[in-house]
Amino acid sequence: MNNVGKGKEILAPVVFQGGVAANLGLVQAFNKYLGFEVLVPRHHGVMGAIGAAYLARDAVGKKGQTSFKGFDLEKIDFRTTSFECKGCSNACEVVQFFENKNLIARWGDRCGKWELQVG
């Protein structure tokens, strides 16, 4: 409680979520410390994922689209190639990442010569 509620009055209802909420000893310790029963949701272990899904839904509602590639990723041709840059004394190995022959990412260049703006 020192990290979460230090110096604050904690009032009911309190919801204990996350995987740690499965620890009945911790639930009982919170109940005793707070003087009331904390609530543990049935799906406490995935509450963070549910919250992230709500945030994603809201973000999509504002933008109208996502970068989600779909569930058929095995049908997309992803490939990498690399080359040694001779543009300066760093002699970097530059890796390029392609999706269906479209260059979508590049990394490994220390000087920035091969930086690729994605998005």
PDB file of N, CA and C in Angstrom:
ATOM      1  N   MET A   1       0.819  -1.191   0.000  1.00  0.00           N
ATOM      2  CA  MET A   1       0.000   0.000   0.000  1.00  0.00           C
ATOM      3  C   MET A   1       0.863   1.255   0.000  1.00  0.00           C
ATOM      4  N   ASN A   2       2.103   1.132   0.428  1.00  0.00           N
ATOM      5  CA  ASN A   2       2.964   2.315   0.468  1.00  0.00           C
ATOM      6  C   ASN A   2       3.184   2.914  -0.915  1.00  0.00           C
ATOM      7  N   ASN A   3       3.256   2.087  -1.936  1.00  0.00           N
ATOM      8  CA  ASN A   3       3.493   2.601  -3.288  1.00  0.00           C
ATOM      9  C   ASN A   3       2.242   3.200  -3.911  1.00  0.00           C
ATOM     10  N   VAL A   4       1.101   2.598  -3.648  1.00  0.00           N
ATOM     11  CA  VAL A   4      -0.134   3.000  -4.327  1.00  0.00           C
ATOM     12  C   VAL A   4      -0.894   4.075  -3.573  1.00  0.00           C
ATOM     13  N   GLY A   5      -1.058   3.882  -2.268  1.00  0.00           N
ATOM     14  CA  GLY A   5      -1.941   4.775  -1.531  1.00  0.00           C
ATOM     15  C   GLY A   5      -1.297   5.564  -0.419  1.00  0.00           C
ATOM     16  N   LYS A   6       0.006   5.715  -0.453  1.00  0.00           N
ATOM     17  CA  LYS A   6       0.704   6.412   0.626  1.00  0.00           C
ATOM     18  C   LYS A   6       0.172   7.837   0.783  1.00  0.00           C
ATOM     19  N   GLY A   7      -0.270   8.147   1.989  1.00  0.00           N
ATOM     20  CA  GLY A   7      -0.751   9.484   2.299  1.00  0.00           C
ATOM     21  C   GLY A   7      -2.141   9.790   1.773  1.00  0.00           C
ATOM     22  N   LYS A   8      -2.849   8.787   1.275  1.00  0.00           N
ATOM     23  CA  LYS A   8      -4.183   8.996   0.717  1.00  0.00           C
ATOM     24  C   LYS A   8      -5.203   8.172   1.489  1.00  0.00           C
ATOM     25  N   GLU A   9      -6.403   8.695   1.568  1.00  0.00           N
ATOM     26  CA  GLU A   9      -7.489   7.936   2.170  1.00  0.00           C
ATOM     27  C   GLU A   9      -8.050   6.996   1.104  1.00  0.00           C
ATOM     28  N   ILE A  10      -8.094   5.722   1.431  1.00  0.00           N
ATOM     29  CA  ILE A  10      -8.596   4.729   0.480  1.00  0.00           C
ATOM     30  C   ILE A  10      -9.988   4.304   0.919  1.00  0.00           C
ATOM     31  N   LEU A  11     -10.948   4.529   0.045  1.00  0.00           N
ATOM     32  CA  LEU A  11     -12.344   4.235   0.343  1.00  0.00           C
ATOM     33  C   LEU A  11     -12.864   3.134  -0.569  1.00  0.00           C
ATOM     34  N   ALA A  12     -13.867   2.422  -0.085  1.00  0.00           N
ATOM     35  CA  ALA A  12     -14.523   1.397  -0.896  1.00  0.00           C
ATOM     36  C   ALA A  12     -15.331   2.076  -1.994  1.00  0.00           C
ATOM     37  N   PRO A  13     -15.515   1.455  -3.116  1.00  0.00           N
ATOM     38  CA  PRO A  13     -15.034   0.123  -3.472  1.00  0.00           C
ATOM     39  C   PRO A  13     -13.611   0.165  -4.039  1.00  0.00           C
ATOM     40  N   VAL A  14     -12.851  -0.874  -3.750  1.00  0.00           N
ATOM     41  CA  VAL A  14     -11.512  -1.047  -4.297  1.00  0.00           C
ATOM     42  C   VAL A  14     -11.535  -2.317  -5.134  1.00  0.00           C
ATOM     43  N   VAL A  15     -11.070  -2.227  -6.372  1.00  0.00           N
ATOM     44  CA  VAL A  15     -11.015  -3.376  -7.272  1.00  0.00           C
ATOM     45  C   VAL A  15      -9.558  -3.810  -7.388  1.00  0.00           C
ATOM     46  N   PHE A  16      -9.301  -5.074  -7.065  1.00  0.00           N
ATOM     47  CA  PHE A  16      -7.962  -5.650  -7.135  1.00  0.00           C
ATOM     48  C   PHE A  16      -7.907  -6.480  -8.412  1.00  0.00           C
ATOM     49  N   GLN A  17      -7.087  -6.061  -9.371  1.00  0.00           N
ATOM     50  CA  GLN A  17      -7.039  -6.749 -10.655  1.00  0.00           C
ATOM     51  C   GLN A  17      -5.618  -7.146 -11.004  1.00  0.00           C
ATOM     52  N   GLY A  18      -5.474  -7.920 -12.055  1.00  0.00           N
ATOM     53  CA  GLY A  18      -4.178  -8.427 -12.483  1.00  0.00           C
ATOM     54  C   GLY A  18      -3.968  -9.836 -11.972  1.00  0.00           C
ATOM     55  N   GLY A  19      -2.925 -10.463 -12.431  1.00  0.00           N
ATOM     56  CA  GLY A  19      -2.647 -11.842 -12.059  1.00  0.00           C
ATOM     57  C   GLY A  19      -2.422 -12.039 -10.576  1.00  0.00           C
ATOM     58  N   VAL A  20      -1.872 -11.036  -9.907  1.00  0.00           N
ATOM     59  CA  VAL A  20      -1.581 -11.136  -8.470  1.00  0.00           C
ATOM     60  C   VAL A  20      -2.864 -11.253  -7.651  1.00  0.00           C
ATOM     61  N   ALA A  21      -3.986 -10.815  -8.211  1.00  0.00           N
ATOM     62  CA  ALA A  21      -5.257 -10.897  -7.492  1.00  0.00           C
ATOM     63  C   ALA A  21      -5.689 -12.342  -7.259  1.00  0.00           C
ATOM     64  N   ALA A  22      -5.039 -13.296  -7.911  1.00  0.00           N
ATOM     65  CA  ALA A  22      -5.328 -14.713  -7.675  1.00  0.00           C
ATOM     66  C   ALA A  22      -4.741 -15.185  -6.352  1.00  0.00           C
ATOM     67  N   ASN A  23      -3.848 -14.406  -5.760  1.00  0.00           N
ATOM     68  CA  ASN A  23      -3.214 -14.762  -4.496  1.00  0.00           C
ATOM     69  C   ASN A  23      -4.174 -14.424  -3.353  1.00  0.00           C
ATOM     70  N   LEU A  24      -4.838 -15.450  -2.825  1.00  0.00           N
ATOM     71  CA  LEU A  24      -5.842 -15.238  -1.778  1.00  0.00           C
ATOM     72  C   LEU A  24      -5.245 -14.625  -0.520  1.00  0.00           C
ATOM     73  N   GLY A  25      -3.986 -14.922  -0.239  1.00  0.00           N
ATOM     74  CA  GLY A  25      -3.325 -14.327   0.919  1.00  0.00           C
ATOM     75  C   GLY A  25      -3.226 -12.813   0.789  1.00  0.00           C
ATOM     76  N   LEU A  26      -2.907 -12.337  -0.401  1.00  0.00           N
ATOM     77  CA  LEU A  26      -2.841 -10.891  -0.630  1.00  0.00           C
ATOM     78  C   LEU A  26      -4.225 -10.256  -0.550  1.00  0.00           C
ATOM     79  N   VAL A  27      -5.222 -10.936  -1.089  1.00  0.00           N
ATOM     80  CA  VAL A  27      -6.590 -10.414  -1.017  1.00  0.00           C
ATOM     81  C   VAL A  27      -7.000 -10.254   0.443  1.00  0.00           C
ATOM     82  N   GLN A  28      -6.732 -11.281   1.251  1.00  0.00           N
ATOM     83  CA  GLN A  28      -7.076 -11.219   2.677  1.00  0.00           C
ATOM     84  C   GLN A  28      -6.286 -10.126   3.389  1.00  0.00           C
ATOM     85  N   ALA A  29      -5.022  -9.965   3.023  1.00  0.00           N
ATOM     86  CA  ALA A  29      -4.203  -8.918   3.642  1.00  0.00           C
ATOM     87  C   ALA A  29      -4.754  -7.531   3.304  1.00  0.00           C
ATOM     88  N   PHE A  30      -5.166  -7.321   2.061  1.00  0.00           N
ATOM     89  CA  PHE A  30      -5.784  -6.043   1.685  1.00  0.00           C
ATOM     90  C   PHE A  30      -7.076  -5.819   2.459  1.00  0.00           C
ATOM     91  N   ASN A  31      -7.900  -6.866   2.556  1.00  0.00           N
ATOM     92  CA  ASN A  31      -9.159  -6.748   3.300  1.00  0.00           C
ATOM     93  C   ASN A  31      -8.895  -6.312   4.738  1.00  0.00           C
ATOM     94  N   LYS A  32      -7.926  -6.956   5.358  1.00  0.00           N
ATOM     95  CA  LYS A  32      -7.609  -6.656   6.755  1.00  0.00           C
ATOM     96  C   LYS A  32      -7.046  -5.238   6.890  1.00  0.00           C
ATOM     97  N   TYR A  33      -6.114  -4.882   6.029  1.00  0.00           N
ATOM     98  CA  TYR A  33      -5.463  -3.575   6.097  1.00  0.00           C
ATOM     99  C   TYR A  33      -6.460  -2.439   5.861  1.00  0.00           C
ATOM    100  N   LEU A  34      -7.329  -2.621   4.875  1.00  0.00           N
ATOM    101  CA  LEU A  34      -8.276  -1.568   4.509  1.00  0.00           C
ATOM    102  C   LEU A  34      -9.508  -1.527   5.410  1.00  0.00           C
ATOM    103  N   GLY A  35      -9.823  -2.666   6.022  1.00  0.00           N
ATOM    104  CA  GLY A  35     -11.000  -2.715   6.885  1.00  0.00           C
ATOM    105  C   GLY A  35     -12.298  -2.953   6.134  1.00  0.00           C
ATOM    106  N   PHE A  36     -12.193  -3.311   4.882  1.00  0.00           N
ATOM    107  CA  PHE A  36     -13.368  -3.684   4.087  1.00  0.00           C
ATOM    108  C   PHE A  36     -12.920  -4.661   3.002  1.00  0.00           C
ATOM    109  N   GLU A  37     -13.889  -5.292   2.352  1.00  0.00           N
ATOM    110  CA  GLU A  37     -13.581  -6.320   1.364  1.00  0.00           C
ATOM    111  C   GLU A  37     -13.271  -5.697   0.000  1.00  0.00           C
ATOM    112  N   VAL A  38     -12.104  -6.059  -0.548  1.00  0.00           N
ATOM    113  CA  VAL A  38     -11.769  -5.606  -1.896  1.00  0.00           C
ATOM    114  C   VAL A  38     -12.488  -6.501  -2.902  1.00  0.00           C
ATOM    115  N   LEU A  39     -12.789  -5.941  -4.051  1.00  0.00           N
ATOM    116  CA  LEU A  39     -13.472  -6.686  -5.105  1.00  0.00           C
ATOM    117  C   LEU A  39     -12.438  -7.288  -6.053  1.00  0.00           C
ATOM    118  N   VAL A  40     -12.581  -8.569  -6.355  1.00  0.00           N
ATOM    119  CA  VAL A  40     -11.708  -9.246  -7.306  1.00  0.00           C
ATOM    120  C   VAL A  40     -12.583  -9.702  -8.474  1.00  0.00           C
ATOM    121  N   PRO A  41     -12.446  -9.076  -9.641  1.00  0.00           N
ATOM    122  CA  PRO A  41     -13.265  -9.467 -10.789  1.00  0.00           C
ATOM    123  C   PRO A  41     -12.999 -10.908 -11.209  1.00  0.00           C
ATOM    124  N   ARG A  42     -13.998 -11.527 -11.794  1.00  0.00           N
ATOM    125  CA  ARG A  42     -13.877 -12.916 -12.241  1.00  0.00           C
ATOM    126  C   ARG A  42     -12.687 -13.079 -13.195  1.00  0.00           C
ATOM    127  N   HIS A  43     -12.500 -12.153 -14.089  1.00  0.00           N
ATOM    128  CA  HIS A  43     -11.413 -12.239 -15.071  1.00  0.00           C
ATOM    129  C   HIS A  43     -10.291 -11.254 -14.728  1.00  0.00           C
ATOM    130  N   HIS A  44      -9.912 -11.238 -13.459  1.00  0.00           N
ATOM    131  CA  HIS A  44      -8.906 -10.281 -12.965  1.00  0.00           C
ATOM    132  C   HIS A  44      -7.593 -10.341 -13.723  1.00  0.00           C
ATOM    133  N   GLY A  45      -7.221 -11.508 -14.215  1.00  0.00           N
ATOM    134  CA  GLY A  45      -5.932 -11.684 -14.879  1.00  0.00           C
ATOM    135  C   GLY A  45      -5.826 -11.017 -16.237  1.00  0.00           C
ATOM    136  N   VAL A  46      -6.963 -10.677 -16.832  1.00  0.00           N
ATOM    137  CA  VAL A  46      -6.935 -10.062 -18.160  1.00  0.00           C
ATOM    138  C   VAL A  46      -7.556  -8.667 -18.172  1.00  0.00           C
ATOM    139  N   MET A  47      -7.743  -8.080 -17.006  1.00  0.00           N
ATOM    140  CA  MET A  47      -8.364  -6.757 -16.940  1.00  0.00           C
ATOM    141  C   MET A  47      -7.528  -5.702 -17.675  1.00  0.00           C
ATOM    142  N   GLY A  48      -6.214  -5.821 -17.616  1.00  0.00           N
ATOM    143  CA  GLY A  48      -5.361  -4.880 -18.343  1.00  0.00           C
ATOM    144  C   GLY A  48      -5.556  -5.010 -19.845  1.00  0.00           C
ATOM    145  N   ALA A  49      -5.688  -6.248 -20.328  1.00  0.00           N
ATOM    146  CA  ALA A  49      -5.924  -6.468 -21.759  1.00  0.00           C
ATOM    147  C   ALA A  49      -7.280  -5.919 -22.176  1.00  0.00           C
ATOM    148  N   ILE A  50      -8.265  -6.075 -21.312  1.00  0.00           N
ATOM    149  CA  ILE A  50      -9.593  -5.536 -21.614  1.00  0.00           C
ATOM    150  C   ILE A  50      -9.520  -4.012 -21.703  1.00  0.00           C
ATOM    151  N   GLY A  51      -8.816  -3.400 -20.768  1.00  0.00           N
ATOM    152  CA  GLY A  51      -8.646  -1.948 -20.807  1.00  0.00           C
ATOM    153  C   GLY A  51      -7.915  -1.501 -22.062  1.00  0.00           C
ATOM    154  N   ALA A  52      -6.879  -2.244 -22.452  1.00  0.00           N
ATOM    155  CA  ALA A  52      -6.142  -1.906 -23.677  1.00  0.00           C
ATOM    156  C   ALA A  52      -7.044  -2.033 -24.901  1.00  0.00           C
ATOM    157  N   ALA A  53      -7.920  -3.031 -24.895  1.00  0.00           N
ATOM    158  CA  ALA A  53      -8.860  -3.199 -26.009  1.00  0.00           C
ATOM    159  C   ALA A  53      -9.818  -2.016 -26.090  1.00  0.00           C
ATOM    160  N   TYR A  54     -10.282  -1.536 -24.947  1.00  0.00           N
ATOM    161  CA  TYR A  54     -11.157  -0.355 -24.944  1.00  0.00           C
ATOM    162  C   TYR A  54     -10.422   0.874 -25.489  1.00  0.00           C
ATOM    163  N   LEU A  55      -9.172   1.050 -25.076  1.00  0.00           N
ATOM    164  CA  LEU A  55      -8.389   2.181 -25.577  1.00  0.00           C
ATOM    165  C   LEU A  55      -8.173   2.077 -27.088  1.00  0.00           C
ATOM    166  N   ALA A  56      -7.895   0.853 -27.562  1.00  0.00           N
ATOM    167  CA  ALA A  56      -7.711   0.648 -29.000  1.00  0.00           C
ATOM    168  C   ALA A  56      -9.001   0.947 -29.751  1.00  0.00           C
ATOM    169  N   ARG A  57     -10.119   0.487 -29.206  1.00  0.00           N
ATOM    170  CA  ARG A  57     -11.417   0.754 -29.838  1.00  0.00           C
ATOM    171  C   ARG A  57     -11.658   2.260 -29.950  1.00  0.00           C
ATOM    172  N   ASP A  58     -11.375   2.976 -28.877  1.00  0.00           N
ATOM    173  CA  ASP A  58     -11.581   4.425 -28.890  1.00  0.00           C
ATOM    174  C   ASP A  58     -10.658   5.110 -29.897  1.00  0.00           C
ATOM    175  N   ALA A  59      -9.403   4.647 -29.982  1.00  0.00           N
ATOM    176  CA  ALA A  59      -8.451   5.234 -30.928  1.00  0.00           C
ATOM    177  C   ALA A  59      -8.889   4.982 -32.366  1.00  0.00           C
ATOM    178  N   VAL A  60      -9.391   3.792 -32.644  1.00  0.00           N
ATOM    179  CA  VAL A  60      -9.861   3.473 -33.988  1.00  0.00           C
ATOM    180  C   VAL A  60     -11.071   4.330 -34.329  1.00  0.00           C
ATOM    181  N   GLY A  61     -11.926   4.563 -33.348  1.00  0.00           N
ATOM    182  CA  GLY A  61     -13.095   5.402 -33.576  1.00  0.00           C
ATOM    183  C   GLY A  61     -12.719   6.803 -33.993  1.00  0.00           C
ATOM    184  N   LYS A  62     -11.598   7.303 -33.484  1.00  0.00           N
ATOM    185  CA  LYS A  62     -11.145   8.654 -33.823  1.00  0.00           C
ATOM    186  C   LYS A  62     -10.451   8.692 -35.182  1.00  0.00           C
ATOM    187  N   LYS A  63      -9.657   7.658 -35.483  1.00  0.00           N
ATOM    188  CA  LYS A  63      -8.881   7.637 -36.725  1.00  0.00           C
ATOM    189  C   LYS A  63      -9.637   6.975 -37.877  1.00  0.00           C
ATOM    190  N   GLY A  64     -10.474   6.014 -37.557  1.00  0.00           N
ATOM    191  CA  GLY A  64     -11.221   5.306 -38.583  1.00  0.00           C
ATOM    192  C   GLY A  64     -10.488   4.148 -39.223  1.00  0.00           C
ATOM    193  N   GLN A  65      -9.225   3.921 -38.856  1.00  0.00           N
ATOM    194  CA  GLN A  65      -8.476   2.804 -39.416  1.00  0.00           C
ATOM    195  C   GLN A  65      -7.372   2.394 -38.455  1.00  0.00           C
ATOM    196  N   THR A  66      -6.817   1.216 -38.688  1.00  0.00           N
ATOM    197  CA  THR A  66      -5.718   0.722 -37.866  1.00  0.00           C
ATOM    198  C   THR A  66      -4.600   0.225 -38.773  1.00  0.00           C
ATOM    199  N   SER A  67      -3.508  -0.193 -38.167  1.00  0.00           N
ATOM    200  CA  SER A  67      -2.412  -0.802 -38.920  1.00  0.00           C
ATOM    201  C   SER A  67      -2.440  -2.323 -38.789  1.00  0.00           C
ATOM    202  N   PHE A  68      -3.546  -2.862 -38.261  1.00  0.00           N
ATOM    203  CA  PHE A  68      -3.696  -4.308 -38.083  1.00  0.00           C
ATOM    204  C   PHE A  68      -3.613  -5.005 -39.431  1.00  0.00           C
ATOM    205  N   LYS A  69      -2.751  -6.001 -39.536  1.00  0.00           N
ATOM    206  CA  LYS A  69      -2.522  -6.700 -40.797  1.00  0.00           C
ATOM    207  C   LYS A  69      -3.521  -7.831 -41.033  1.00  0.00           C
ATOM    208  N   GLY A  70      -4.267  -8.217 -40.018  1.00  0.00           N
ATOM    209  CA  GLY A  70      -5.233  -9.293 -40.175  1.00  0.00           C
ATOM    210  C   GLY A  70      -4.728 -10.598 -39.600  1.00  0.00           C
ATOM    211  N   PHE A  71      -5.600 -11.581 -39.641  1.00  0.00           N
ATOM    212  CA  PHE A  71      -5.275 -12.882 -39.064  1.00  0.00           C
ATOM    213  C   PHE A  71      -4.625 -13.827 -40.064  1.00  0.00           C
ATOM    214  N   ASP A  72      -4.451 -13.411 -41.303  1.00  0.00           N
ATOM    215  CA  ASP A  72      -3.882 -14.269 -42.337  1.00  0.00           C
ATOM    216  C   ASP A  72      -2.448 -13.867 -42.673  1.00  0.00           C
ATOM    217  N   LEU A  73      -1.640 -13.647 -41.653  1.00  0.00           N
ATOM    218  CA  LEU A  73      -0.265 -13.195 -41.884  1.00  0.00           C
ATOM    219  C   LEU A  73       0.556 -14.185 -42.692  1.00  0.00           C
ATOM    220  N   GLU A  74       0.211 -15.465 -42.610  1.00  0.00           N
ATOM    221  CA  GLU A  74       0.986 -16.459 -43.357  1.00  0.00           C
ATOM    222  C   GLU A  74       0.829 -16.271 -44.866  1.00  0.00           C
ATOM    223  N   LYS A  75      -0.180 -15.525 -45.295  1.00  0.00           N
ATOM    224  CA  LYS A  75      -0.395 -15.275 -46.720  1.00  0.00           C
ATOM    225  C   LYS A  75       0.386 -14.055 -47.221  1.00  0.00           C
ATOM    226  N   ILE A  76       0.981 -13.318 -46.309  1.00  0.00           N
ATOM    227  CA  ILE A  76       1.762 -12.141 -46.694  1.00  0.00           C
ATOM    228  C   ILE A  76       3.219 -12.553 -46.852  1.00  0.00           C
ATOM    229  N   ASP A  77       3.852 -12.077 -47.897  1.00  0.00           N
ATOM    230  CA  ASP A  77       5.247 -12.405 -48.168  1.00  0.00           C
ATOM    231  C   ASP A  77       6.151 -11.400 -47.454  1.00  0.00           C
ATOM    232  N   PHE A  78       6.701 -11.804 -46.296  1.00  0.00           N
ATOM    233  CA  PHE A  78       7.651 -10.980 -45.558  1.00  0.00           C
ATOM    234  C   PHE A  78       9.055 -11.482 -45.869  1.00  0.00           C
ATOM    235  N   ARG A  79       9.956 -10.571 -46.193  1.00  0.00           N
ATOM    236  CA  ARG A  79      11.340 -10.950 -46.498  1.00  0.00           C
ATOM    237  C   ARG A  79      12.302  -9.900 -45.959  1.00  0.00           C
ATOM    238  N   THR A  80      13.518 -10.357 -45.681  1.00  0.00           N
ATOM    239  CA  THR A  80      14.581  -9.428 -45.294  1.00  0.00           C
ATOM    240  C   THR A  80      15.752  -9.589 -46.257  1.00  0.00           C
ATOM    241  N   THR A  81      16.435  -8.508 -46.471  1.00  0.00           N
ATOM    242  CA  THR A  81      17.700  -8.525 -47.197  1.00  0.00           C
ATOM    243  C   THR A  81      18.664  -7.648 -46.413  1.00  0.00           C
ATOM    244  N   SER A  82      19.932  -7.784 -46.706  1.00  0.00           N
ATOM    245  CA  SER A  82      20.912  -6.916 -46.052  1.00  0.00           C
ATOM    246  C   SER A  82      22.031  -6.597 -47.033  1.00  0.00           C
ATOM    247  N   PHE A  83      22.710  -5.523 -46.738  1.00  0.00           N
ATOM    248  CA  PHE A  83      23.860  -5.142 -47.551  1.00  0.00           C
ATOM    249  C   PHE A  83      24.828  -4.355 -46.676  1.00  0.00           C
ATOM    250  N   GLU A  84      26.089  -4.341 -47.088  1.00  0.00           N
ATOM    251  CA  GLU A  84      27.090  -3.548 -46.382  1.00  0.00           C
ATOM    252  C   GLU A  84      27.195  -2.192 -47.064  1.00  0.00           C
ATOM    253  N   CYS A  85      26.943  -1.151 -46.296  1.00  0.00           N
ATOM    254  CA  CYS A  85      27.019   0.210 -46.826  1.00  0.00           C
ATOM    255  C   CYS A  85      28.489   0.634 -46.884  1.00  0.00           C
ATOM    256  N   LYS A  86      28.877   1.176 -47.991  1.00  0.00           N
ATOM    257  CA  LYS A  86      30.248   1.659 -48.164  1.00  0.00           C
ATOM    258  C   LYS A  86      30.275   3.186 -48.239  1.00  0.00           C
ATOM    259  N   GLY A  87      29.208   3.827 -47.720  1.00  0.00           N
ATOM    260  CA  GLY A  87      29.086   5.276 -47.800  1.00  0.00           C
ATOM    261  C   GLY A  87      29.967   6.040 -46.832  1.00  0.00           C
ATOM    262  N   CYS A  88      30.470   5.364 -45.805  1.00  0.00           N
ATOM    263  CA  CYS A  88      31.369   6.024 -44.854  1.00  0.00           C
ATOM    264  C   CYS A  88      32.229   4.960 -44.185  1.00  0.00           C
ATOM    265  N   SER A  89      33.030   5.358 -43.235  1.00  0.00           N
ATOM    266  CA  SER A  89      33.961   4.424 -42.599  1.00  0.00           C
ATOM    267  C   SER A  89      33.280   3.461 -41.628  1.00  0.00           C
ATOM    268  N   ASN A  90      31.997   3.663 -41.322  1.00  0.00           N
ATOM    269  CA  ASN A  90      31.302   2.755 -40.401  1.00  0.00           C
ATOM    270  C   ASN A  90      31.104   1.364 -40.990  1.00  0.00           C
ATOM    271  N   ALA A  91      30.981   1.255 -42.305  1.00  0.00           N
ATOM    272  CA  ALA A  91      30.752  -0.023 -42.992  1.00  0.00           C
ATOM    273  C   ALA A  91      29.611  -0.803 -42.336  1.00  0.00           C
ATOM    274  N   CYS A  92      28.473  -0.156 -42.177  1.00  0.00           N
ATOM    275  CA  CYS A  92      27.316  -0.754 -41.495  1.00  0.00           C
ATOM    276  C   CYS A  92      26.685  -1.867 -42.325  1.00  0.00           C
ATOM    277  N   GLU A  93      26.143  -2.856 -41.628  1.00  0.00           N
ATOM    278  CA  GLU A  93      25.277  -3.833 -42.284  1.00  0.00           C
ATOM    279  C   GLU A  93      23.855  -3.305 -42.152  1.00  0.00           C
ATOM    280  N   VAL A  94      23.248  -2.967 -43.256  1.00  0.00           N
ATOM    281  CA  VAL A  94      21.900  -2.412 -43.274  1.00  0.00           C
ATOM    282  C   VAL A  94      20.925  -3.537 -43.602  1.00  0.00           C
ATOM    283  N   VAL A  95      19.934  -3.707 -42.759  1.00  0.00           N
ATOM    284  CA  VAL A  95      18.904  -4.730 -42.962  1.00  0.00           C
ATOM    285  C   VAL A  95      17.647  -4.039 -43.469  1.00  0.00           C
ATOM    286  N   GLN A  96      17.041  -4.635 -44.492  1.00  0.00           N
ATOM    287  CA  GLN A  96      15.803  -4.105 -45.059  1.00  0.00           C
ATOM    288  C   GLN A  96      14.702  -5.138 -44.874  1.00  0.00           C
ATOM    289  N   PHE A  97      13.504  -4.679 -44.545  1.00  0.00           N
ATOM    290  CA  PHE A  97      12.364  -5.562 -44.304  1.00  0.00           C
ATOM    291  C   PHE A  97      11.265  -5.222 -45.302  1.00  0.00           C
ATOM    292  N   PHE A  98      10.820  -6.235 -46.039  1.00  0.00           N
ATOM    293  CA  PHE A  98       9.824  -6.049 -47.088  1.00  0.00           C
ATOM    294  C   PHE A  98       8.532  -6.784 -46.752  1.00  0.00           C
ATOM    295  N   GLU A  99       7.418  -6.162 -47.141  1.00  0.00           N
ATOM    296  CA  GLU A  99       6.106  -6.800 -47.079  1.00  0.00           C
ATOM    297  C   GLU A  99       5.552  -6.781 -48.496  1.00  0.00           C
ATOM    298  N   ASN A 100       5.406  -7.986 -49.083  1.00  0.00           N
ATOM    299  CA  ASN A 100       4.924  -8.092 -50.466  1.00  0.00           C
ATOM    300  C   ASN A 100       5.683  -7.150 -51.405  1.00  0.00           C
ATOM    301  N   LYS A 101       6.988  -7.205 -51.354  1.00  0.00           N
ATOM    302  CA  LYS A 101       7.897  -6.418 -52.210  1.00  0.00           C
ATOM    303  C   LYS A 101       7.921  -4.924 -51.896  1.00  0.00           C
ATOM    304  N   ASN A 102       7.176  -4.491 -50.888  1.00  0.00           N
ATOM    305  CA  ASN A 102       7.204  -3.088 -50.470  1.00  0.00           C
ATOM    306  C   ASN A 102       8.150  -2.936 -49.287  1.00  0.00           C
ATOM    307  N   LEU A 103       9.116  -2.060 -49.397  1.00  0.00           N
ATOM    308  CA  LEU A 103      10.056  -1.804 -48.308  1.00  0.00           C
ATOM    309  C   LEU A 103       9.318  -1.086 -47.185  1.00  0.00           C
ATOM    310  N   ILE A 104       9.274  -1.727 -45.991  1.00  0.00           N
ATOM    311  CA  ILE A 104       8.541  -1.116 -44.881  1.00  0.00           C
ATOM    312  C   ILE A 104       9.426  -0.745 -43.697  1.00  0.00           C
ATOM    313  N   ALA A 105      10.659  -1.248 -43.658  1.00  0.00           N
ATOM    314  CA  ALA A 105      11.543  -0.897 -42.543  1.00  0.00           C
ATOM    315  C   ALA A 105      12.992  -1.111 -42.962  1.00  0.00           C
ATOM    316  N   ARG A 106      13.861  -0.367 -42.309  1.00  0.00           N
ATOM    317  CA  ARG A 106      15.288  -0.493 -42.560  1.00  0.00           C
ATOM    318  C   ARG A 106      16.003  -0.115 -41.271  1.00  0.00           C
ATOM    319  N   TRP A 107      17.040  -0.870 -40.906  1.00  0.00           N
ATOM    320  CA  TRP A 107      17.787  -0.546 -39.698  1.00  0.00           C
ATOM    321  C   TRP A 107      19.240  -0.992 -39.844  1.00  0.00           C
ATOM    322  N   GLY A 108      20.066  -0.535 -38.931  1.00  0.00           N
ATOM    323  CA  GLY A 108      21.467  -0.932 -38.893  1.00  0.00           C
ATOM    324  C   GLY A 108      22.434   0.136 -39.367  1.00  0.00           C
ATOM    325  N   ASP A 109      21.913   1.253 -39.879  1.00  0.00           N
ATOM    326  CA  ASP A 109      22.793   2.325 -40.346  1.00  0.00           C
ATOM    327  C   ASP A 109      23.081   3.283 -39.196  1.00  0.00           C
ATOM    328  N   ARG A 110      24.331   3.395 -38.833  1.00  0.00           N
ATOM    329  CA  ARG A 110      24.706   4.251 -37.702  1.00  0.00           C
ATOM    330  C   ARG A 110      24.714   5.729 -38.059  1.00  0.00           C
ATOM    331  N   CYS A 111      24.954   6.044 -39.310  1.00  0.00           N
ATOM    332  CA  CYS A 111      25.065   7.457 -39.697  1.00  0.00           C
ATOM    333  C   CYS A 111      23.725   8.058 -40.111  1.00  0.00           C
ATOM    334  N   GLY A 112      22.705   7.228 -40.322  1.00  0.00           N
ATOM    335  CA  GLY A 112      21.389   7.728 -40.703  1.00  0.00           C
ATOM    336  C   GLY A 112      21.159   7.815 -42.199  1.00  0.00           C
ATOM    337  N   LYS A 113      22.148   7.432 -43.000  1.00  0.00           N
ATOM    338  CA  LYS A 113      22.025   7.538 -44.455  1.00  0.00           C
ATOM    339  C   LYS A 113      20.853   6.726 -44.997  1.00  0.00           C
ATOM    340  N   TRP A 114      20.573   5.589 -44.395  1.00  0.00           N
ATOM    341  CA  TRP A 114      19.539   4.689 -44.912  1.00  0.00           C
ATOM    342  C   TRP A 114      18.268   4.700 -44.074  1.00  0.00           C
ATOM    343  N   GLU A 115      18.091   5.715 -43.243  1.00  0.00           N
ATOM    344  CA  GLU A 115      16.868   5.789 -42.434  1.00  0.00           C
ATOM    345  C   GLU A 115      15.646   5.788 -43.331  1.00  0.00           C
ATOM    346  N   LEU A 116      14.623   5.104 -42.880  1.00  0.00           N
ATOM    347  CA  LEU A 116      13.383   5.020 -43.644  1.00  0.00           C
ATOM    348  C   LEU A 116      12.252   5.517 -42.774  1.00  0.00           C
ATOM    349  N   GLN A 117      11.517   6.473 -43.259  1.00  0.00           N
ATOM    350  CA  GLN A 117      10.349   6.969 -42.529  1.00  0.00           C
ATOM    351  C   GLN A 117       9.175   6.058 -42.860  1.00  0.00           C
ATOM    352  N   VAL A 118       8.609   5.429 -41.832  1.00  0.00           N
ATOM    353  CA  VAL A 118       7.490   4.510 -42.024  1.00  0.00           C
ATOM    354  C   VAL A 118       6.254   5.122 -41.410  1.00  0.00           C
ATOM    355  N   GLY A 119       5.107   4.934 -42.080  1.00  0.00           N
ATOM    356  CA  GLY A 119       3.837   5.379 -41.507  1.00  0.00           C
ATOM    357  C   GLY A 119       3.344   6.531 -42.145  1.00  0.00           C
TER     358      GLY A 119
END
